[in-house]
Amino acid sequence: MIYVIDHKDSFTHNVVHQFSLFDNVVCDDFSKINNSKLNQASTIVFSPGPGSPKDYPLSSKIYKKFKGKKKIIGICLGFQQILFCEGASIIEQSKIYHGFQSEVLVNKSSKLFNTGRKFKVGRYHSLKLKEPFVAENFDITMRCVISGAAMSFENNIDKIYGFQFHPESFLTLNGKILIKKILSA
């Protein structure tokens, strides 16, 4: 079972729909976690949402409790939430990307995706990872072709993955394949 933690975002149910193509999904508001179902889940997904990671201390607590014990996936705010828990600074971008399609490049550190491949993704964020960023076992695996901003990470040791973009968006080409590969890892 996949447990989606909803950060009150309009995209959360699109995320639920996309993940439900591969497994049973339970979705609860971040402030109303069902601990029994969370403990039963094989995968935890931190959804997109408004604000910044510091606004969600309960999600940080869940991440720290289950890191290395369950597969964890973060999307948009969820991507930032995981990196924030790993000591990263999350900052405002000079340009806001809401409903914007960008091209990303998969770099050679990716173990899941075809390196050197470029494809288009849907972006809906005003914050980004401040770099340089270093955390044990975390590799930035996709970057925006134009700005160089981090667009995904992989931690294949602890089974933690994240997308700054929205794989469930119609603006992301082959988003379903990205999710399938992470769930199969």
C-alpha atoms as a PDB file:
ATOM      1  CA  MET A   1       0.000   0.000   0.000  1.00  0.00           C
ATOM      2  CA  ILE A   2       1.075   3.577  -0.755  1.00  0.00           C
ATOM      3  CA  TYR A   3       0.331   6.232   1.857  1.00  0.00           C
ATOM      4  CA  VAL A   4       0.029   9.751   0.422  1.00  0.00           C
ATOM      5  CA  ILE A   5       0.406  12.623   2.872  1.00  0.00           C
ATOM      6  CA  ASP A   6      -1.717  15.483   1.572  1.00  0.00           C
ATOM      7  CA  HIS A   7      -0.307  18.967   2.131  1.00  0.00           C
ATOM      8  CA  LYS A   8      -3.643  20.483   1.036  1.00  0.00           C
ATOM      9  CA  ASP A   9      -2.711  20.901  -2.605  1.00  0.00           C
ATOM     10  CA  SER A  10      -5.051  20.844  -5.590  1.00  0.00           C
ATOM     11  CA  PHE A  11      -2.715  18.356  -7.296  1.00  0.00           C
ATOM     12  CA  THR A  12      -2.820  15.774  -4.496  1.00  0.00           C
ATOM     13  CA  HIS A  13      -5.718  13.823  -5.957  1.00  0.00           C
ATOM     14  CA  ASN A  14      -3.974  13.722  -9.334  1.00  0.00           C
ATOM     15  CA  VAL A  15      -0.988  12.228  -7.489  1.00  0.00           C
ATOM     16  CA  VAL A  16      -3.296   9.692  -5.816  1.00  0.00           C
ATOM     17  CA  HIS A  17      -4.826   8.774  -9.179  1.00  0.00           C
ATOM     18  CA  GLN A  18      -1.416   8.306 -10.825  1.00  0.00           C
ATOM     19  CA  PHE A  19      -0.030   6.144  -7.986  1.00  0.00           C
ATOM     20  CA  SER A  20      -3.251   4.093  -7.799  1.00  0.00           C
ATOM     21  CA  LEU A  21      -2.407   2.716 -11.235  1.00  0.00           C
ATOM     22  CA  PHE A  22       0.314   0.665  -9.500  1.00  0.00           C
ATOM     23  CA  ASP A  23      -0.941  -0.136  -5.972  1.00  0.00           C
ATOM     24  CA  ASN A  24      -3.634   0.578  -3.390  1.00  0.00           C
ATOM     25  CA  VAL A  25      -3.409   4.165  -2.157  1.00  0.00           C
ATOM     26  CA  VAL A  26      -4.533   5.747   1.103  1.00  0.00           C
ATOM     27  CA  CYS A  27      -4.461   9.560   1.318  1.00  0.00           C
ATOM     28  CA  ASP A  28      -4.782  11.588   4.498  1.00  0.00           C
ATOM     29  CA  ASP A  29      -4.346  15.234   5.410  1.00  0.00           C
ATOM     30  CA  PHE A  30      -0.914  15.934   6.911  1.00  0.00           C
ATOM     31  CA  SER A  31      -2.573  17.017  10.166  1.00  0.00           C
ATOM     32  CA  LYS A  32      -4.767  13.876  10.427  1.00  0.00           C
ATOM     33  CA  ILE A  33      -2.348  10.999   9.917  1.00  0.00           C
ATOM     34  CA  ASN A  34      -3.681   7.474  10.410  1.00  0.00           C
ATOM     35  CA  ASN A  35      -0.695   5.885  12.167  1.00  0.00           C
ATOM     36  CA  SER A  36      -1.978   2.347  11.672  1.00  0.00           C
ATOM     37  CA  LYS A  37      -2.208   2.769   7.893  1.00  0.00           C
ATOM     38  CA  LEU A  38       1.068   4.693   7.784  1.00  0.00           C
ATOM     39  CA  ASN A  39       2.788   1.797   9.545  1.00  0.00           C
ATOM     40  CA  GLN A  40       1.230  -0.707   7.101  1.00  0.00           C
ATOM     41  CA  ALA A  41       2.340   1.195   3.983  1.00  0.00           C
ATOM     42  CA  SER A  42       5.337   0.067   1.950  1.00  0.00           C
ATOM     43  CA  THR A  43       5.728   3.529   0.395  1.00  0.00           C
ATOM     44  CA  ILE A  44       5.139   7.047   1.727  1.00  0.00           C
ATOM     45  CA  VAL A  45       4.515   9.924  -0.690  1.00  0.00           C
ATOM     46  CA  PHE A  46       4.832  13.542   0.423  1.00  0.00           C
ATOM     47  CA  SER A  47       2.482  15.528  -1.814  1.00  0.00           C
ATOM     48  CA  PRO A  48       2.851  18.983  -3.317  1.00  0.00           C
ATOM     49  CA  GLY A  49       1.494  21.861  -1.254  1.00  0.00           C
ATOM     50  CA  PRO A  50       1.594  25.566  -0.494  1.00  0.00           C
ATOM     51  CA  GLY A  51       4.209  27.243   1.672  1.00  0.00           C
ATOM     52  CA  SER A  52       7.626  25.890   2.553  1.00  0.00           C
ATOM     53  CA  PRO A  53       8.879  22.748   4.303  1.00  0.00           C
ATOM     54  CA  LYS A  54       9.261  24.509   7.649  1.00  0.00           C
ATOM     55  CA  ASP A  55       5.459  24.907   7.665  1.00  0.00           C
ATOM     56  CA  TYR A  56       5.044  21.116   7.996  1.00  0.00           C
ATOM     57  CA  PRO A  57       6.860  19.878  11.122  1.00  0.00           C
ATOM     58  CA  LEU A  58       4.649  16.747  11.312  1.00  0.00           C
ATOM     59  CA  SER A  59       5.801  15.722   7.827  1.00  0.00           C
ATOM     60  CA  SER A  60       9.421  16.246   8.875  1.00  0.00           C
ATOM     61  CA  LYS A  61       8.838  14.027  11.901  1.00  0.00           C
ATOM     62  CA  ILE A  62       7.319  11.276   9.711  1.00  0.00           C
ATOM     63  CA  TYR A  63      10.232  11.485   7.273  1.00  0.00           C
ATOM     64  CA  LYS A  64      12.809  11.148  10.049  1.00  0.00           C
ATOM     65  CA  LYS A  65      10.935   8.226  11.626  1.00  0.00           C
ATOM     66  CA  PHE A  66      10.651   6.197   8.403  1.00  0.00           C
ATOM     67  CA  LYS A  67      13.881   7.132   6.571  1.00  0.00           C
ATOM     68  CA  GLY A  68      15.619   3.898   5.604  1.00  0.00           C
ATOM     69  CA  LYS A  69      12.622   1.815   6.717  1.00  0.00           C
ATOM     70  CA  LYS A  70      10.140   2.505   3.905  1.00  0.00           C
ATOM     71  CA  LYS A  71      10.377   3.810   0.354  1.00  0.00           C
ATOM     72  CA  ILE A  72       9.775   7.571   0.451  1.00  0.00           C
ATOM     73  CA  ILE A  73       8.869   9.772  -2.515  1.00  0.00           C
ATOM     74  CA  GLY A  74       8.507  13.559  -2.507  1.00  0.00           C
ATOM     75  CA  ILE A  75       6.779  15.649  -5.164  1.00  0.00           C
ATOM     76  CA  CYS A  76       7.315  19.422  -5.395  1.00  0.00           C
ATOM     77  CA  LEU A  77       6.877  20.537  -1.755  1.00  0.00           C
ATOM     78  CA  GLY A  78       7.527  16.886  -0.850  1.00  0.00           C
ATOM     79  CA  PHE A  79      10.853  17.056  -2.742  1.00  0.00           C
ATOM     80  CA  GLN A  80      11.741  20.200  -0.777  1.00  0.00           C
ATOM     81  CA  GLN A  81      10.505  18.644   2.499  1.00  0.00           C
ATOM     82  CA  ILE A  82      12.866  15.684   2.198  1.00  0.00           C
ATOM     83  CA  LEU A  83      15.859  17.850   1.301  1.00  0.00           C
ATOM     84  CA  PHE A  84      15.010  20.280   4.117  1.00  0.00           C
ATOM     85  CA  CYS A  85      15.081  17.336   6.556  1.00  0.00           C
ATOM     86  CA  GLU A  86      18.525  16.491   5.160  1.00  0.00           C
ATOM     87  CA  GLY A  87      19.825  19.957   6.057  1.00  0.00           C
ATOM     88  CA  ALA A  88      19.207  21.758   2.756  1.00  0.00           C
ATOM     89  CA  SER A  89      18.190  25.375   2.426  1.00  0.00           C
ATOM     90  CA  ILE A  90      15.053  25.958   0.378  1.00  0.00           C
ATOM     91  CA  ILE A  91      14.960  29.433  -1.162  1.00  0.00           C
ATOM     92  CA  GLU A  92      12.780  31.579  -3.414  1.00  0.00           C
ATOM     93  CA  GLN A  93      13.544  31.471  -7.116  1.00  0.00           C
ATOM     94  CA  SER A  94      13.980  34.633  -9.125  1.00  0.00           C
ATOM     95  CA  LYS A  95      11.320  33.298 -11.520  1.00  0.00           C
ATOM     96  CA  ILE A  96       8.121  31.541 -10.459  1.00  0.00           C
ATOM     97  CA  TYR A  97       7.203  28.409 -12.403  1.00  0.00           C
ATOM     98  CA  HIS A  98       3.469  27.739 -12.065  1.00  0.00           C
ATOM     99  CA  GLY A  99       2.003  25.789 -14.964  1.00  0.00           C
ATOM    100  CA  PHE A 100       5.295  26.007 -16.810  1.00  0.00           C
ATOM    101  CA  GLN A 101       6.826  23.313 -19.000  1.00  0.00           C
ATOM    102  CA  SER A 102      10.612  22.972 -18.836  1.00  0.00           C
ATOM    103  CA  GLU A 103      13.076  20.595 -20.367  1.00  0.00           C
ATOM    104  CA  VAL A 104      15.160  18.544 -17.932  1.00  0.00           C
ATOM    105  CA  LEU A 105      18.316  16.541 -18.487  1.00  0.00           C
ATOM    106  CA  VAL A 106      18.940  13.244 -16.695  1.00  0.00           C
ATOM    107  CA  ASN A 107      22.545  13.201 -15.515  1.00  0.00           C
ATOM    108  CA  LYS A 108      24.988  10.316 -15.152  1.00  0.00           C
ATOM    109  CA  SER A 109      24.410   9.832 -11.408  1.00  0.00           C
ATOM    110  CA  SER A 110      20.894   8.453 -12.079  1.00  0.00           C
ATOM    111  CA  LYS A 111      20.567   4.716 -11.591  1.00  0.00           C
ATOM    112  CA  LEU A 112      16.867   4.634 -12.555  1.00  0.00           C
ATOM    113  CA  PHE A 113      16.539   6.762 -15.659  1.00  0.00           C
ATOM    114  CA  ASN A 114      18.268   6.924 -19.044  1.00  0.00           C
ATOM    115  CA  THR A 115      21.195   9.278 -18.589  1.00  0.00           C
ATOM    116  CA  GLY A 116      21.736  11.960 -21.188  1.00  0.00           C
ATOM    117  CA  ARG A 117      18.027  11.948 -21.979  1.00  0.00           C
ATOM    118  CA  LYS A 118      16.066  15.188 -22.126  1.00  0.00           C
ATOM    119  CA  PHE A 119      12.322  15.444 -21.695  1.00  0.00           C
ATOM    120  CA  LYS A 120       9.652  17.987 -20.774  1.00  0.00           C
ATOM    121  CA  VAL A 121       8.143  18.305 -17.302  1.00  0.00           C
ATOM    122  CA  GLY A 122       5.402  20.342 -15.633  1.00  0.00           C
ATOM    123  CA  ARG A 123       6.554  22.773 -12.969  1.00  0.00           C
ATOM    124  CA  TYR A 124       4.483  24.512 -10.299  1.00  0.00           C
ATOM    125  CA  HIS A 125       6.886  26.018  -7.766  1.00  0.00           C
ATOM    126  CA  SER A 126       8.300  29.293  -6.505  1.00  0.00           C
ATOM    127  CA  LEU A 127      10.941  27.723  -4.207  1.00  0.00           C
ATOM    128  CA  LYS A 128      14.008  25.686  -5.060  1.00  0.00           C
ATOM    129  CA  LEU A 129      16.970  23.893  -3.535  1.00  0.00           C
ATOM    130  CA  LYS A 130      19.871  26.198  -2.677  1.00  0.00           C
ATOM    131  CA  GLU A 131      23.105  24.694  -3.919  1.00  0.00           C
ATOM    132  CA  PRO A 132      25.640  23.428  -3.280  1.00  0.00           C
ATOM    133  CA  PHE A 133      23.847  20.668  -1.403  1.00  0.00           C
ATOM    134  CA  VAL A 134      25.531  17.569  -0.025  1.00  0.00           C
ATOM    135  CA  ALA A 135      23.872  14.766   1.936  1.00  0.00           C
ATOM    136  CA  GLU A 136      25.037  11.188   2.301  1.00  0.00           C
ATOM    137  CA  ASN A 137      23.688   8.911  -0.466  1.00  0.00           C
ATOM    138  CA  PHE A 138      21.697  11.722  -2.151  1.00  0.00           C
ATOM    139  CA  ASP A 139      22.405  12.478  -5.820  1.00  0.00           C
ATOM    140  CA  ILE A 140      20.781  15.236  -7.862  1.00  0.00           C
ATOM    141  CA  THR A 141      19.784  13.269 -10.965  1.00  0.00           C
ATOM    142  CA  MET A 142      17.872  15.731 -13.168  1.00  0.00           C
ATOM    143  CA  ARG A 143      18.365  19.424 -13.823  1.00  0.00           C
ATOM    144  CA  CYS A 144      16.509  22.120 -15.715  1.00  0.00           C
ATOM    145  CA  VAL A 145      18.273  22.537 -19.049  1.00  0.00           C
ATOM    146  CA  ILE A 146      18.006  26.357 -18.946  1.00  0.00           C
ATOM    147  CA  SER A 147      18.580  27.272 -15.281  1.00  0.00           C
ATOM    148  CA  GLY A 148      20.432  24.201 -14.004  1.00  0.00           C
ATOM    149  CA  ALA A 149      18.045  23.995 -11.007  1.00  0.00           C
ATOM    150  CA  ALA A 150      17.754  20.594  -9.320  1.00  0.00           C
ATOM    151  CA  MET A 151      14.678  18.753 -10.599  1.00  0.00           C
ATOM    152  CA  SER A 152      15.083  15.299  -9.025  1.00  0.00           C
ATOM    153  CA  PHE A 153      17.157  13.306  -6.592  1.00  0.00           C
ATOM    154  CA  GLU A 154      17.774   9.648  -5.873  1.00  0.00           C
ATOM    155  CA  ASN A 155      18.947   7.951  -2.710  1.00  0.00           C
ATOM    156  CA  ASN A 156      19.045   4.339  -3.823  1.00  0.00           C
ATOM    157  CA  ILE A 157      20.521   3.127  -0.508  1.00  0.00           C
ATOM    158  CA  ASP A 158      17.593   4.334   1.631  1.00  0.00           C
ATOM    159  CA  LYS A 159      15.047   4.185  -1.242  1.00  0.00           C
ATOM    160  CA  ILE A 160      14.229   7.905  -1.123  1.00  0.00           C
ATOM    161  CA  TYR A 161      13.314   9.754  -4.317  1.00  0.00           C
ATOM    162  CA  GLY A 162      12.004  13.173  -5.229  1.00  0.00           C
ATOM    163  CA  PHE A 163      10.803  15.322  -8.101  1.00  0.00           C
ATOM    164  CA  GLN A 164      10.700  19.124  -7.967  1.00  0.00           C
ATOM    165  CA  PHE A 165       8.358  18.904 -10.957  1.00  0.00           C
ATOM    166  CA  HIS A 166       4.984  17.144 -11.073  1.00  0.00           C
ATOM    167  CA  PRO A 167       5.172  13.704 -12.707  1.00  0.00           C
ATOM    168  CA  GLU A 168       1.360  13.469 -12.541  1.00  0.00           C
ATOM    169  CA  SER A 169       0.893  16.671 -14.597  1.00  0.00           C
ATOM    170  CA  PHE A 170      -0.220  16.516 -18.214  1.00  0.00           C
ATOM    171  CA  LEU A 171       2.757  18.816 -18.894  1.00  0.00           C
ATOM    172  CA  THR A 172       5.178  16.021 -17.902  1.00  0.00           C
ATOM    173  CA  LEU A 173       5.799  13.647 -20.754  1.00  0.00           C
ATOM    174  CA  ASN A 174       5.839  10.013 -19.608  1.00  0.00           C
ATOM    175  CA  GLY A 175       5.267  10.869 -15.934  1.00  0.00           C
ATOM    176  CA  LYS A 176       3.581   7.504 -15.406  1.00  0.00           C
ATOM    177  CA  ILE A 177       6.817   5.776 -16.488  1.00  0.00           C
ATOM    178  CA  LEU A 178       8.840   7.830 -13.987  1.00  0.00           C
ATOM    179  CA  ILE A 179       6.546   6.785 -11.152  1.00  0.00           C
ATOM    180  CA  LYS A 180       6.567   3.140 -12.248  1.00  0.00           C
ATOM    181  CA  LYS A 181      10.374   3.048 -12.281  1.00  0.00           C
ATOM    182  CA  ILE A 182      10.618   4.500  -8.771  1.00  0.00           C
ATOM    183  CA  LEU A 183       7.986   2.111  -7.401  1.00  0.00           C
ATOM    184  CA  SER A 184       9.871  -0.796  -8.998  1.00  0.00           C
ATOM    185  CA  ALA A 185      13.266   0.262  -7.580  1.00  0.00           C
END
